[in-house]
Amino acid sequence: MLSPLMGLLKQSSNVVLQNLLMCMVCFYSLYYIVVSLCIGLFRVHEINSLLTPFDYTTQPSWQNPKYLVGVISTEVTYVLGGLVFAWIVEEWVWDYAITVTLLHVGMTVAVMSDFPSAEHWWIALGSGLVMMIFGGQLLAYKLFRNNFVYPAELQNF
C-alpha cells in the first residue's frame, strides 16, 4: 500500500527539484545578461561582471555607475525572473521565488566569504523579491487560471 505513495512522492520531489534547477539556471542566466547590458549601457569598465550579482560591498550612490549596474540588474532580473518562473512552475511562483532568493543569499555568503550586512543590498533584494512574487504570481494566475486550486475546492477533495 505504501509503495504507490512512495513512488508518487519520489516523482513529485523530482519534479520540484527539476523546476528549482530550471529556475536557478534561468535566474542566473537573466542576471548575467542584464548585468552585461547594464555594463554596456553605463560604459563601466572597472567592474568584475562575474561577481556583480554577489557584490554587496559597492558604496551606494546614484552617481556611482558600478552601484547603478548592481541595483538595476538586480531589480530587472527579479522582475523578469518572476515572469519566467510563472512560465516554468505555473502556480507556485512565490515558493520558488523565495527559495531561489535564499539560495542566492547562500551563494553570496559562499562567494564573498562574509554575510552581507549592507542595508542597501537587503533592500534591493527584498524589493526585487516582492516584485518577482507579485508579477510572477499575477502572470501565472492570468495564464493558468483554470489550473489553480482554490481552498473551497480542497474541502470537497
Protein backbone atom coordinates (compact mmCIF):
# COMPACT_ATOMS: atom_id res chain seq x y z
CA MET A 1 0.00 0.00 0.00
CA LEU A 2 2.85 2.39 0.74
CA SER A 3 4.71 1.57 -2.46
CA PRO A 4 2.48 3.62 -4.83
CA LEU A 5 2.50 6.53 -2.37
CA MET A 6 6.30 6.46 -2.10
CA GLY A 7 6.59 6.36 -5.89
CA LEU A 8 4.31 9.39 -6.17
CA LEU A 9 6.31 11.30 -3.53
CA LYS A 10 9.58 10.45 -5.27
CA GLN A 11 8.17 11.56 -8.63
CA SER A 12 6.84 14.85 -7.22
CA SER A 13 10.17 15.50 -5.46
CA ASN A 14 11.95 15.02 -8.77
CA VAL A 15 9.60 17.50 -10.45
CA VAL A 16 10.17 20.07 -7.70
CA LEU A 17 13.95 19.68 -7.91
CA GLN A 18 13.86 19.84 -11.70
CA ASN A 19 11.76 23.04 -11.56
CA LEU A 20 14.10 24.52 -8.95
CA LEU A 21 17.13 23.75 -11.12
CA MET A 22 15.45 25.34 -14.16
CA CYS A 23 14.52 28.40 -12.08
CA MET A 24 18.09 28.77 -10.78
CA VAL A 25 19.60 28.45 -14.26
CA CYS A 26 17.10 30.95 -15.69
CA PHE A 27 17.63 33.35 -12.77
CA TYR A 28 21.41 33.49 -13.13
CA SER A 29 21.25 33.49 -16.94
CA LEU A 30 18.94 36.50 -16.78
CA TYR A 31 21.16 38.10 -14.14
CA TYR A 32 24.31 37.88 -16.25
CA ILE A 33 22.52 39.01 -19.43
CA VAL A 34 21.12 42.07 -17.64
CA VAL A 35 24.49 42.79 -15.95
CA SER A 36 26.20 42.68 -19.35
CA LEU A 37 23.61 45.04 -20.85
CA CYS A 38 23.93 47.46 -17.91
CA ILE A 39 27.74 47.42 -18.12
CA GLY A 40 27.47 48.30 -21.81
CA LEU A 41 24.82 50.99 -21.29
CA PHE A 42 26.67 52.68 -18.42
CA ARG A 43 30.09 52.07 -20.04
CA VAL A 44 31.54 50.72 -16.81
CA HIS A 45 34.96 49.16 -17.32
CA GLU A 46 36.24 48.72 -13.76
CA ILE A 47 33.74 46.06 -12.71
CA ASN A 48 34.05 42.31 -12.30
CA SER A 49 30.90 41.12 -14.07
CA LEU A 50 31.18 37.60 -12.61
CA LEU A 51 30.96 38.91 -9.04
CA THR A 52 28.32 41.60 -9.66
CA PRO A 53 25.30 39.51 -8.56
CA PHE A 54 27.03 38.77 -5.25
CA ASP A 55 28.74 42.11 -4.60
CA TYR A 56 27.18 43.97 -1.69
CA THR A 57 30.33 45.97 -0.89
CA THR A 58 29.86 48.72 -3.51
CA GLN A 59 29.20 52.09 -1.89
CA PRO A 60 25.60 53.16 -2.55
CA SER A 61 25.48 56.36 -4.58
CA TRP A 62 23.30 57.37 -7.52
CA GLN A 63 26.41 58.93 -9.12
CA ASN A 64 28.36 55.65 -8.90
CA PRO A 65 27.85 53.71 -12.17
CA LYS A 66 29.14 50.50 -10.56
CA TYR A 67 26.38 50.75 -7.92
CA LEU A 68 23.76 51.54 -10.57
CA VAL A 69 24.77 48.46 -12.57
CA GLY A 70 24.30 46.29 -9.47
CA VAL A 71 20.97 47.76 -8.39
CA ILE A 72 19.38 47.99 -11.82
CA SER A 73 20.50 44.49 -12.80
CA THR A 74 19.13 43.09 -9.53
CA GLU A 75 15.72 44.72 -9.91
CA VAL A 76 15.33 43.95 -13.63
CA THR A 77 16.42 40.35 -13.05
CA TYR A 78 13.88 39.88 -10.28
CA VAL A 79 11.03 41.36 -12.35
CA LEU A 80 11.85 39.28 -15.43
CA GLY A 81 12.63 36.24 -13.28
CA GLY A 82 9.12 36.29 -11.82
CA LEU A 83 7.64 36.20 -15.31
CA VAL A 84 9.91 33.33 -16.35
CA PHE A 85 9.15 31.43 -13.13
CA ALA A 86 5.42 31.72 -13.89
CA TRP A 87 6.03 30.01 -17.20
CA ILE A 88 8.15 27.24 -15.59
CA VAL A 89 6.21 26.40 -12.41
CA GLU A 90 2.74 27.72 -13.31
CA GLU A 91 1.25 28.45 -9.88
CA TRP A 92 3.86 28.22 -7.12
CA VAL A 93 5.87 31.29 -8.15
CA TRP A 94 6.07 32.70 -4.62
CA ASP A 95 7.56 29.48 -3.26
CA TYR A 96 10.23 29.20 -5.95
CA ALA A 97 10.99 32.94 -5.74
CA ILE A 98 11.67 32.72 -2.01
CA THR A 99 13.71 29.53 -2.41
CA VAL A 100 15.84 30.97 -5.23
CA THR A 101 16.42 34.15 -3.20
CA LEU A 102 17.51 32.15 -0.15
CA LEU A 103 19.86 30.10 -2.34
CA HIS A 104 21.18 33.36 -3.81
CA VAL A 105 21.90 34.67 -0.30
CA GLY A 106 23.69 31.39 0.49
CA MET A 107 25.75 31.63 -2.69
CA THR A 108 26.57 35.26 -1.87
CA VAL A 109 27.90 34.20 1.53
CA ALA A 110 29.96 31.45 -0.14
CA VAL A 111 31.36 33.69 -2.90
CA MET A 112 32.11 36.73 -0.75
CA SER A 113 33.17 34.71 2.35
CA ASP A 114 31.13 37.02 4.56
CA PHE A 115 27.49 37.58 5.49
CA PRO A 116 26.02 40.62 3.70
CA SER A 117 25.49 43.40 6.22
CA ALA A 118 24.80 46.28 3.82
CA GLU A 119 21.25 47.58 4.19
CA HIS A 120 21.08 48.78 0.58
CA TRP A 121 21.77 45.22 -0.66
CA TRP A 122 18.99 43.76 1.52
CA ILE A 123 16.56 46.49 0.46
CA ALA A 124 17.29 45.83 -3.24
CA LEU A 125 16.94 42.08 -2.68
CA GLY A 126 13.69 42.44 -0.70
CA SER A 127 12.05 44.84 -3.13
CA GLY A 128 13.12 42.65 -6.04
CA LEU A 129 11.65 39.60 -4.33
CA VAL A 130 8.33 41.37 -3.75
CA MET A 131 8.17 42.42 -7.42
CA MET A 132 9.10 38.88 -8.51
CA ILE A 133 6.35 37.34 -6.39
CA PHE A 134 3.59 39.78 -7.36
CA GLY A 135 4.49 39.99 -11.05
CA GLY A 136 5.07 36.27 -11.44
CA GLN A 137 2.05 35.22 -9.42
CA LEU A 138 -0.20 37.63 -11.33
CA LEU A 139 1.06 36.34 -14.68
CA ALA A 140 0.65 32.74 -13.50
CA TYR A 141 -2.92 33.48 -12.44
CA LYS A 142 -3.73 35.09 -15.80
CA LEU A 143 -2.13 32.30 -17.86
CA PHE A 144 -3.07 29.25 -15.80
CA ARG A 145 -6.30 30.40 -14.12
CA ASN A 146 -8.05 27.09 -14.84
CA ASN A 147 -5.29 25.07 -13.15
CA PHE A 148 -5.37 26.90 -9.80
CA VAL A 149 -6.67 25.04 -6.76
CA TYR A 150 -8.91 27.15 -4.54
CA PRO A 151 -9.49 26.43 -0.81
CA ALA A 152 -13.22 25.77 -1.34
CA GLU A 153 -12.35 23.00 -3.82
CA LEU A 154 -9.99 21.39 -1.31
CA GLN A 155 -12.85 20.82 1.15
CA ASN A 156 -14.60 18.55 -1.36
CA PHE A 157 -11.39 16.69 -2.22
